[in-house]
Amino acid sequence: MMNHGGLGDDAPVYVISVAAELSGLHPQTLRQYDRLGLVSPGRASGRGRRYSARDVQMLREVQRLSQEEGVNLAGIKRILELKREVAELRETVFHLHNELEAARSAVARRGAAAQGPPPGPGGELMPVRRTRVTVFGAAVQPDRRDEHREEPRDDLRNDRRDDPRRD
């Protein structure tokens, strides 16, 4: 990109006649591109257009797409919108990638700190196998689904056996 006098590529420094000359376009073409929203320059205090080095590059790209690629102005506008969107998404991905790496490093540091020195005697973690437990003569498998289930009471089972309606 062009960078004159230590100013950034986005500094609006060129009046329309200079921007037209740098881009190889007629000033009226630049005004039309501005009206269509293809290249929107900054404005000076007197409302005059001021183009940046980035704007001049964009004008050249619009001219190339139109003349060399045969793309109409509506297509060029969409291409430029998509390029801006892709640039924004790349920046977002870059920042998210950095955040992810920082989070991974923090987790690794915490994991290393949590492990600390090896445990002393009797402080080892041992795997525990799930087993069946017999309670009041019924085999019960420890399970969260069974916590709220009631076993039928023996006195109710006996009452049902004696019920004449059961037959």
N, C-alpha and C. Protein backbone atom coordinates (compact mmCIF):
# COMPACT_ATOMS: atom_id res chain seq x y z
N MET A 1 0.84 -1.18 0.00
CA MET A 1 0.00 0.00 0.00
C MET A 1 0.88 1.24 0.00
N MET A 2 0.28 2.34 -0.34
CA MET A 2 1.00 3.61 -0.31
C MET A 2 0.96 4.15 1.10
N ASN A 3 2.08 4.73 1.51
CA ASN A 3 2.12 5.32 2.82
C ASN A 3 3.00 6.55 2.73
N HIS A 4 2.37 7.71 2.72
CA HIS A 4 3.08 8.97 2.52
C HIS A 4 3.19 9.73 3.82
N GLY A 5 4.41 10.20 4.10
CA GLY A 5 4.62 11.09 5.23
C GLY A 5 4.30 10.48 6.58
N GLY A 6 4.41 9.17 6.74
CA GLY A 6 4.17 8.55 8.03
C GLY A 6 2.71 8.38 8.37
N LEU A 7 1.81 8.73 7.47
CA LEU A 7 0.38 8.55 7.71
C LEU A 7 -0.01 7.12 7.40
N GLY A 8 -1.01 6.61 8.10
CA GLY A 8 -1.47 5.25 7.85
C GLY A 8 -2.23 5.15 6.53
N ASP A 9 -2.47 3.92 6.11
CA ASP A 9 -3.18 3.67 4.84
C ASP A 9 -4.62 4.15 4.88
N ASP A 10 -5.15 4.36 6.08
CA ASP A 10 -6.55 4.78 6.20
C ASP A 10 -6.71 6.29 6.40
N ALA A 11 -5.62 7.02 6.41
CA ALA A 11 -5.70 8.47 6.61
C ALA A 11 -6.26 9.14 5.34
N PRO A 12 -7.37 9.88 5.47
CA PRO A 12 -7.96 10.54 4.29
C PRO A 12 -7.17 11.80 3.91
N VAL A 13 -6.30 11.68 2.92
CA VAL A 13 -5.40 12.78 2.58
C VAL A 13 -5.55 13.30 1.15
N TYR A 14 -6.08 12.50 0.24
CA TYR A 14 -6.11 12.88 -1.17
C TYR A 14 -7.44 13.50 -1.55
N VAL A 15 -7.38 14.67 -2.19
CA VAL A 15 -8.60 15.25 -2.74
C VAL A 15 -8.99 14.43 -3.97
N ILE A 16 -10.20 14.63 -4.44
CA ILE A 16 -10.73 13.77 -5.50
C ILE A 16 -9.88 13.80 -6.77
N SER A 17 -9.34 14.94 -7.14
CA SER A 17 -8.55 15.01 -8.38
C SER A 17 -7.27 14.19 -8.26
N VAL A 18 -6.63 14.21 -7.09
CA VAL A 18 -5.40 13.43 -6.89
C VAL A 18 -5.73 11.94 -6.83
N ALA A 19 -6.80 11.58 -6.13
CA ALA A 19 -7.21 10.17 -6.05
C ALA A 19 -7.57 9.64 -7.43
N ALA A 20 -8.23 10.47 -8.24
CA ALA A 20 -8.58 10.06 -9.61
C ALA A 20 -7.32 9.81 -10.42
N GLU A 21 -6.35 10.68 -10.29
CA GLU A 21 -5.10 10.51 -11.03
C GLU A 21 -4.35 9.26 -10.56
N LEU A 22 -4.29 9.05 -9.26
CA LEU A 22 -3.58 7.88 -8.71
C LEU A 22 -4.25 6.57 -9.11
N SER A 23 -5.57 6.59 -9.22
CA SER A 23 -6.29 5.36 -9.55
C SER A 23 -6.48 5.17 -11.05
N GLY A 24 -6.23 6.21 -11.82
CA GLY A 24 -6.41 6.10 -13.26
C GLY A 24 -7.87 6.22 -13.68
N LEU A 25 -8.70 6.82 -12.86
CA LEU A 25 -10.13 6.97 -13.15
C LEU A 25 -10.47 8.46 -13.25
N HIS A 26 -11.61 8.74 -13.84
CA HIS A 26 -12.11 10.11 -13.94
C HIS A 26 -12.75 10.50 -12.60
N PRO A 27 -12.63 11.75 -12.19
CA PRO A 27 -13.25 12.18 -10.92
C PRO A 27 -14.76 11.89 -10.86
N GLN A 28 -15.43 11.98 -12.01
CA GLN A 28 -16.87 11.69 -12.01
C GLN A 28 -17.13 10.21 -11.69
N THR A 29 -16.24 9.34 -12.11
CA THR A 29 -16.36 7.91 -11.80
C THR A 29 -16.21 7.70 -10.29
N LEU A 30 -15.28 8.41 -9.68
CA LEU A 30 -15.12 8.31 -8.24
C LEU A 30 -16.38 8.76 -7.51
N ARG A 31 -17.00 9.84 -7.99
CA ARG A 31 -18.25 10.31 -7.37
C ARG A 31 -19.35 9.26 -7.51
N GLN A 32 -19.41 8.61 -8.69
CA GLN A 32 -20.43 7.57 -8.90
C GLN A 32 -20.18 6.39 -7.98
N TYR A 33 -18.94 5.97 -7.85
CA TYR A 33 -18.62 4.86 -6.95
C TYR A 33 -18.99 5.20 -5.51
N ASP A 34 -18.80 6.46 -5.13
CA ASP A 34 -19.19 6.90 -3.79
C ASP A 34 -20.70 6.83 -3.63
N ARG A 35 -21.45 7.32 -4.61
CA ARG A 35 -22.92 7.26 -4.55
C ARG A 35 -23.43 5.83 -4.45
N LEU A 36 -22.77 4.91 -5.16
CA LEU A 36 -23.17 3.50 -5.15
C LEU A 36 -22.68 2.75 -3.90
N GLY A 37 -21.81 3.38 -3.14
CA GLY A 37 -21.31 2.74 -1.93
C GLY A 37 -20.17 1.77 -2.19
N LEU A 38 -19.55 1.84 -3.35
CA LEU A 38 -18.42 0.95 -3.64
C LEU A 38 -17.17 1.38 -2.88
N VAL A 39 -16.84 2.65 -2.98
CA VAL A 39 -15.70 3.22 -2.27
C VAL A 39 -16.21 4.51 -1.65
N SER A 40 -16.24 4.55 -0.32
CA SER A 40 -16.76 5.73 0.38
C SER A 40 -15.61 6.44 1.08
N PRO A 41 -15.15 7.57 0.52
CA PRO A 41 -14.04 8.29 1.13
C PRO A 41 -14.48 9.04 2.38
N GLY A 42 -13.48 9.52 3.13
CA GLY A 42 -13.77 10.38 4.26
C GLY A 42 -14.21 11.75 3.75
N ARG A 43 -14.65 12.57 4.65
CA ARG A 43 -15.09 13.92 4.27
C ARG A 43 -14.29 14.96 5.05
N ALA A 44 -13.92 16.03 4.35
CA ALA A 44 -13.24 17.14 5.01
C ALA A 44 -14.31 18.02 5.67
N SER A 45 -13.88 19.01 6.43
CA SER A 45 -14.82 19.87 7.14
C SER A 45 -15.76 20.60 6.17
N GLY A 46 -15.30 20.90 4.97
CA GLY A 46 -16.15 21.56 3.98
C GLY A 46 -16.95 20.57 3.15
N ARG A 47 -17.06 19.33 3.60
CA ARG A 47 -17.80 18.24 2.96
C ARG A 47 -17.11 17.73 1.70
N GLY A 48 -15.88 18.16 1.41
CA GLY A 48 -15.15 17.64 0.27
C GLY A 48 -14.64 16.24 0.54
N ARG A 49 -14.60 15.41 -0.49
CA ARG A 49 -14.13 14.03 -0.34
C ARG A 49 -12.63 14.00 -0.12
N ARG A 50 -12.19 13.12 0.78
CA ARG A 50 -10.77 12.91 1.01
C ARG A 50 -10.52 11.40 0.97
N TYR A 51 -9.69 10.98 0.03
CA TYR A 51 -9.42 9.56 -0.18
C TYR A 51 -8.14 9.16 0.54
N SER A 52 -8.14 7.97 1.08
CA SER A 52 -6.95 7.41 1.73
C SER A 52 -6.21 6.52 0.73
N ALA A 53 -5.02 6.09 1.11
CA ALA A 53 -4.25 5.16 0.27
C ALA A 53 -5.05 3.86 0.08
N ARG A 54 -5.75 3.42 1.13
CA ARG A 54 -6.57 2.21 1.02
C ARG A 54 -7.72 2.43 0.04
N ASP A 55 -8.31 3.61 0.05
CA ASP A 55 -9.39 3.93 -0.89
C ASP A 55 -8.88 3.88 -2.34
N VAL A 56 -7.68 4.41 -2.57
CA VAL A 56 -7.11 4.40 -3.92
C VAL A 56 -6.87 2.96 -4.36
N GLN A 57 -6.37 2.11 -3.47
CA GLN A 57 -6.20 0.69 -3.80
C GLN A 57 -7.55 0.05 -4.13
N MET A 58 -8.57 0.41 -3.37
CA MET A 58 -9.91 -0.13 -3.61
C MET A 58 -10.44 0.34 -4.97
N LEU A 59 -10.19 1.58 -5.32
CA LEU A 59 -10.61 2.10 -6.64
C LEU A 59 -9.93 1.31 -7.76
N ARG A 60 -8.66 1.02 -7.58
CA ARG A 60 -7.94 0.21 -8.58
C ARG A 60 -8.53 -1.19 -8.68
N GLU A 61 -8.91 -1.77 -7.53
CA GLU A 61 -9.51 -3.11 -7.53
C GLU A 61 -10.87 -3.09 -8.22
N VAL A 62 -11.66 -2.07 -7.98
CA VAL A 62 -12.97 -1.94 -8.64
C VAL A 62 -12.76 -1.84 -10.15
N GLN A 63 -11.82 -1.04 -10.56
CA GLN A 63 -11.52 -0.88 -11.99
C GLN A 63 -11.07 -2.22 -12.60
N ARG A 64 -10.21 -2.94 -11.90
CA ARG A 64 -9.73 -4.23 -12.40
C ARG A 64 -10.88 -5.23 -12.54
N LEU A 65 -11.72 -5.33 -11.51
CA LEU A 65 -12.84 -6.27 -11.57
C LEU A 65 -13.79 -5.91 -12.72
N SER A 66 -14.00 -4.64 -12.91
CA SER A 66 -14.91 -4.19 -13.98
C SER A 66 -14.32 -4.42 -15.36
N GLN A 67 -13.08 -3.98 -15.57
CA GLN A 67 -12.48 -4.02 -16.90
C GLN A 67 -11.91 -5.38 -17.27
N GLU A 68 -11.18 -6.00 -16.35
CA GLU A 68 -10.50 -7.25 -16.67
C GLU A 68 -11.37 -8.48 -16.44
N GLU A 69 -12.19 -8.44 -15.41
CA GLU A 69 -13.01 -9.60 -15.06
C GLU A 69 -14.43 -9.50 -15.61
N GLY A 70 -14.84 -8.33 -16.03
CA GLY A 70 -16.18 -8.16 -16.60
C GLY A 70 -17.30 -8.22 -15.58
N VAL A 71 -17.00 -7.91 -14.32
CA VAL A 71 -18.01 -7.96 -13.26
C VAL A 71 -18.76 -6.63 -13.25
N ASN A 72 -20.11 -6.70 -13.15
CA ASN A 72 -20.89 -5.46 -13.08
C ASN A 72 -20.73 -4.82 -11.70
N LEU A 73 -21.21 -3.58 -11.56
CA LEU A 73 -20.99 -2.84 -10.33
C LEU A 73 -21.69 -3.46 -9.12
N ALA A 74 -22.87 -4.04 -9.34
CA ALA A 74 -23.57 -4.72 -8.23
C ALA A 74 -22.74 -5.93 -7.77
N GLY A 75 -22.17 -6.66 -8.70
CA GLY A 75 -21.32 -7.80 -8.35
C GLY A 75 -20.06 -7.35 -7.63
N ILE A 76 -19.50 -6.25 -8.09
CA ILE A 76 -18.30 -5.72 -7.44
C ILE A 76 -18.62 -5.30 -6.00
N LYS A 77 -19.77 -4.67 -5.82
CA LYS A 77 -20.16 -4.26 -4.46
C LYS A 77 -20.25 -5.47 -3.55
N ARG A 78 -20.86 -6.54 -4.05
CA ARG A 78 -21.00 -7.77 -3.25
C ARG A 78 -19.64 -8.39 -2.96
N ILE A 79 -18.76 -8.40 -3.94
CA ILE A 79 -17.41 -8.94 -3.75
C ILE A 79 -16.68 -8.16 -2.67
N LEU A 80 -16.77 -6.84 -2.71
CA LEU A 80 -16.10 -6.01 -1.72
C LEU A 80 -16.68 -6.23 -0.32
N GLU A 81 -18.01 -6.38 -0.24
CA GLU A 81 -18.65 -6.67 1.05
C GLU A 81 -18.15 -7.99 1.61
N LEU A 82 -18.08 -9.01 0.75
CA LEU A 82 -17.62 -10.32 1.20
C LEU A 82 -16.15 -10.29 1.62
N LYS A 83 -15.33 -9.52 0.90
CA LYS A 83 -13.92 -9.39 1.29
C LYS A 83 -13.81 -8.76 2.67
N ARG A 84 -14.61 -7.72 2.93
CA ARG A 84 -14.60 -7.08 4.25
C ARG A 84 -15.04 -8.07 5.32
N GLU A 85 -16.08 -8.83 5.02
CA GLU A 85 -16.58 -9.81 5.98
C GLU A 85 -15.53 -10.89 6.27
N VAL A 86 -14.87 -11.37 5.24
CA VAL A 86 -13.83 -12.38 5.41
C VAL A 86 -12.70 -11.82 6.27
N ALA A 87 -12.31 -10.57 6.03
CA ALA A 87 -11.24 -9.96 6.83
C ALA A 87 -11.66 -9.86 8.29
N GLU A 88 -12.91 -9.47 8.56
CA GLU A 88 -13.41 -9.39 9.93
C GLU A 88 -13.43 -10.77 10.59
N LEU A 89 -13.88 -11.78 9.84
CA LEU A 89 -13.94 -13.13 10.38
C LEU A 89 -12.54 -13.68 10.67
N ARG A 90 -11.60 -13.38 9.82
CA ARG A 90 -10.22 -13.82 10.05
C ARG A 90 -9.67 -13.18 11.32
N GLU A 91 -9.98 -11.91 11.51
CA GLU A 91 -9.53 -11.23 12.73
C GLU A 91 -10.17 -11.87 13.96
N THR A 92 -11.47 -12.19 13.87
CA THR A 92 -12.16 -12.83 14.98
C THR A 92 -11.55 -14.20 15.27
N VAL A 93 -11.29 -14.97 14.25
CA VAL A 93 -10.67 -16.30 14.42
C VAL A 93 -9.29 -16.15 15.07
N PHE A 94 -8.55 -15.17 14.64
CA PHE A 94 -7.22 -14.92 15.21
C PHE A 94 -7.33 -14.67 16.72
N HIS A 95 -8.26 -13.77 17.11
CA HIS A 95 -8.42 -13.46 18.53
C HIS A 95 -8.94 -14.67 19.31
N LEU A 96 -9.89 -15.41 18.75
CA LEU A 96 -10.41 -16.59 19.42
C LEU A 96 -9.33 -17.66 19.59
N HIS A 97 -8.49 -17.82 18.57
CA HIS A 97 -7.39 -18.77 18.65
C HIS A 97 -6.44 -18.39 19.79
N ASN A 98 -6.13 -17.09 19.90
CA ASN A 98 -5.26 -16.65 20.99
C ASN A 98 -5.90 -16.89 22.35
N GLU A 99 -7.19 -16.62 22.47
CA GLU A 99 -7.90 -16.86 23.72
C GLU A 99 -7.89 -18.36 24.07
N LEU A 100 -8.11 -19.20 23.07
CA LEU A 100 -8.11 -20.64 23.29
C LEU A 100 -6.74 -21.11 23.77
N GLU A 101 -5.69 -20.64 23.14
CA GLU A 101 -4.34 -21.03 23.54
C GLU A 101 -4.05 -20.57 24.97
N ALA A 102 -4.49 -19.36 25.32
CA ALA A 102 -4.29 -18.86 26.68
C ALA A 102 -5.06 -19.72 27.68
N ALA A 103 -6.28 -20.11 27.33
CA ALA A 103 -7.09 -20.95 28.22
C ALA A 103 -6.46 -22.33 28.37
N ARG A 104 -5.97 -22.89 27.28
CA ARG A 104 -5.30 -24.19 27.36
C ARG A 104 -4.06 -24.12 28.26
N SER A 105 -3.29 -23.06 28.12
CA SER A 105 -2.10 -22.89 28.96
C SER A 105 -2.49 -22.78 30.42
N ALA A 106 -3.55 -22.01 30.70
CA ALA A 106 -4.01 -21.85 32.08
C ALA A 106 -4.47 -23.18 32.66
N VAL A 107 -5.19 -23.97 31.87
CA VAL A 107 -5.64 -25.28 32.33
C VAL A 107 -4.45 -26.20 32.58
N ALA A 108 -3.48 -26.16 31.71
CA ALA A 108 -2.29 -27.00 31.89
C ALA A 108 -1.53 -26.60 33.15
N ARG A 109 -1.42 -25.28 33.40
CA ARG A 109 -0.74 -24.81 34.61
C ARG A 109 -1.51 -25.24 35.86
N ARG A 110 -2.83 -25.11 35.83
CA ARG A 110 -3.64 -25.52 36.98
C ARG A 110 -3.55 -27.02 37.21
N GLY A 111 -3.55 -27.77 36.11
CA GLY A 111 -3.45 -29.23 36.23
C GLY A 111 -2.13 -29.64 36.84
N ALA A 112 -1.05 -28.99 36.42
CA ALA A 112 0.27 -29.30 36.97
C ALA A 112 0.34 -28.91 38.44
N ALA A 113 -0.27 -27.78 38.79
CA ALA A 113 -0.26 -27.33 40.19
C ALA A 113 -1.13 -28.23 41.05
N ALA A 114 -2.24 -28.72 40.51
CA ALA A 114 -3.15 -29.57 41.27
C ALA A 114 -2.53 -30.94 41.54
N GLN A 115 -1.72 -31.42 40.62
CA GLN A 115 -1.08 -32.73 40.83
C GLN A 115 -0.06 -32.64 41.95
N GLY A 116 0.66 -31.55 42.00
CA GLY A 116 1.60 -31.31 43.08
C GLY A 116 2.54 -32.47 43.30
N PRO A 117 3.09 -32.56 44.52
CA PRO A 117 4.01 -33.67 44.82
C PRO A 117 3.24 -34.98 44.96
N PRO A 118 3.91 -36.10 44.79
CA PRO A 118 3.22 -37.38 44.91
C PRO A 118 2.65 -37.54 46.31
N PRO A 119 1.49 -38.18 46.44
CA PRO A 119 0.85 -38.34 47.75
C PRO A 119 1.66 -39.25 48.66
N GLY A 120 1.51 -39.01 49.97
CA GLY A 120 2.22 -39.82 50.96
C GLY A 120 1.52 -41.15 51.15
N PRO A 121 2.00 -41.96 52.05
CA PRO A 121 1.39 -43.28 52.28
C PRO A 121 -0.06 -43.13 52.72
N GLY A 122 -0.90 -43.92 52.14
CA GLY A 122 -2.32 -43.90 52.45
C GLY A 122 -3.08 -42.81 51.72
N GLY A 123 -2.41 -41.99 50.95
CA GLY A 123 -3.07 -40.89 50.26
C GLY A 123 -3.33 -41.17 48.79
N GLU A 124 -3.12 -42.42 48.36
CA GLU A 124 -3.31 -42.76 46.97
C GLU A 124 -4.79 -42.86 46.64
N LEU A 125 -5.13 -42.57 45.43
CA LEU A 125 -6.49 -42.76 44.97
C LEU A 125 -6.61 -44.17 44.41
N MET A 126 -7.65 -44.85 44.81
CA MET A 126 -7.86 -46.22 44.38
C MET A 126 -9.17 -46.30 43.62
N PRO A 127 -9.21 -47.07 42.53
CA PRO A 127 -10.49 -47.25 41.84
C PRO A 127 -11.44 -48.08 42.69
N VAL A 128 -12.72 -47.74 42.63
CA VAL A 128 -13.73 -48.46 43.40
C VAL A 128 -14.69 -49.08 42.41
N ARG A 129 -14.92 -50.38 42.60
CA ARG A 129 -15.81 -51.11 41.70
C ARG A 129 -17.23 -51.04 42.26
N ARG A 130 -18.21 -50.86 41.39
CA ARG A 130 -19.61 -50.86 41.82
C ARG A 130 -20.02 -52.29 42.15
N THR A 131 -20.73 -52.45 43.24
CA THR A 131 -21.14 -53.79 43.65
C THR A 131 -22.62 -53.78 43.99
N ARG A 132 -23.16 -54.98 44.05
CA ARG A 132 -24.55 -55.13 44.50
C ARG A 132 -24.57 -55.22 46.01
N VAL A 133 -25.61 -54.64 46.60
CA VAL A 133 -25.76 -54.65 48.04
C VAL A 133 -27.08 -55.32 48.37
N THR A 134 -27.07 -56.21 49.33
CA THR A 134 -28.31 -56.88 49.73
C THR A 134 -28.88 -56.15 50.94
N VAL A 135 -30.15 -55.71 50.79
CA VAL A 135 -30.82 -54.98 51.86
C VAL A 135 -32.14 -55.68 52.14
N PHE A 136 -32.34 -56.14 53.33
CA PHE A 136 -33.57 -56.79 53.76
C PHE A 136 -33.98 -57.90 52.80
N GLY A 137 -33.05 -58.66 52.35
CA GLY A 137 -33.36 -59.80 51.53
C GLY A 137 -33.59 -59.49 50.06
N ALA A 138 -33.52 -58.23 49.62
CA ALA A 138 -33.72 -57.88 48.21
C ALA A 138 -32.40 -57.37 47.65
N ALA A 139 -32.04 -57.86 46.47
CA ALA A 139 -30.81 -57.39 45.83
C ALA A 139 -31.10 -56.03 45.20
N VAL A 140 -30.30 -55.04 45.56
CA VAL A 140 -30.49 -53.68 45.05
C VAL A 140 -29.20 -53.23 44.38
N GLN A 141 -29.29 -52.77 43.15
CA GLN A 141 -28.16 -52.22 42.43
C GLN A 141 -28.13 -50.72 42.71
N PRO A 142 -27.04 -50.18 43.26
CA PRO A 142 -27.00 -48.75 43.50
C PRO A 142 -27.13 -48.01 42.17
N ASP A 143 -28.17 -47.23 42.04
CA ASP A 143 -28.42 -46.53 40.79
C ASP A 143 -29.26 -45.31 41.11
N ARG A 144 -28.98 -44.21 40.48
CA ARG A 144 -29.72 -42.98 40.74
C ARG A 144 -31.19 -43.13 40.39
N ARG A 145 -31.50 -43.92 39.38
CA ARG A 145 -32.90 -44.08 39.00
C ARG A 145 -33.68 -44.80 40.09
N ASP A 146 -33.00 -45.63 40.90
CA ASP A 146 -33.68 -46.42 41.91
C ASP A 146 -33.82 -45.67 43.23
N GLU A 147 -33.23 -44.50 43.37
CA GLU A 147 -33.27 -43.78 44.63
C GLU A 147 -34.69 -43.43 45.05
N HIS A 148 -35.55 -43.14 44.09
CA HIS A 148 -36.90 -42.70 44.41
C HIS A 148 -37.94 -43.81 44.28
N ARG A 149 -37.52 -44.97 43.86
CA ARG A 149 -38.46 -46.08 43.66
C ARG A 149 -38.65 -46.82 44.98
N GLU A 150 -39.88 -47.07 45.34
CA GLU A 150 -40.14 -47.81 46.58
C GLU A 150 -40.35 -49.27 46.26
N GLU A 151 -39.80 -50.13 47.12
CA GLU A 151 -40.01 -51.56 46.98
C GLU A 151 -41.40 -51.90 47.53
N PRO A 152 -42.11 -52.86 46.94
CA PRO A 152 -43.43 -53.22 47.48
C PRO A 152 -43.27 -53.81 48.88
N ARG A 153 -44.19 -53.43 49.73
CA ARG A 153 -44.13 -53.93 51.11
C ARG A 153 -44.73 -55.32 51.17
N ASP A 154 -44.14 -56.16 52.05
CA ASP A 154 -44.60 -57.55 52.19
C ASP A 154 -46.05 -57.62 52.65
N ASP A 155 -46.45 -56.73 53.55
CA ASP A 155 -47.82 -56.80 54.05
C ASP A 155 -48.82 -56.47 52.95
N LEU A 156 -48.46 -55.62 51.97
CA LEU A 156 -49.37 -55.31 50.86
C LEU A 156 -49.42 -56.47 49.88
N ARG A 157 -48.28 -57.14 49.67
CA ARG A 157 -48.28 -58.30 48.77
C ARG A 157 -49.17 -59.40 49.34
N ASN A 158 -49.10 -59.61 50.62
CA ASN A 158 -49.93 -60.65 51.24
C ASN A 158 -51.40 -60.29 51.14
N ASP A 159 -51.74 -59.01 51.32
CA ASP A 159 -53.13 -58.59 51.24
C ASP A 159 -53.68 -58.85 49.84
N ARG A 160 -52.88 -58.64 48.83
CA ARG A 160 -53.36 -58.82 47.47
C ARG A 160 -53.60 -60.30 47.16
N ARG A 161 -52.79 -61.17 47.77
CA ARG A 161 -52.98 -62.60 47.51
C ARG A 161 -54.31 -63.09 48.09
N ASP A 162 -54.71 -62.51 49.19
CA ASP A 162 -55.96 -62.93 49.83
C ASP A 162 -57.18 -62.24 49.24
N ASP A 163 -57.01 -61.30 48.34
CA ASP A 163 -58.12 -60.54 47.78
C ASP A 163 -58.92 -61.44 46.82
N PRO A 164 -60.23 -61.62 47.07
CA PRO A 164 -61.05 -62.48 46.19
C PRO A 164 -61.22 -61.89 44.79
N ARG A 165 -61.08 -60.59 44.64
CA ARG A 165 -61.23 -59.96 43.32
C ARG A 165 -60.04 -60.28 42.42
N ARG A 166 -58.98 -60.80 42.99
CA ARG A 166 -57.76 -61.06 42.23
C ARG A 166 -57.97 -62.19 41.21
N ASP A 167 -58.88 -63.08 41.44
CA ASP A 167 -59.10 -64.23 40.55
C ASP A 167 -59.83 -63.90 39.32
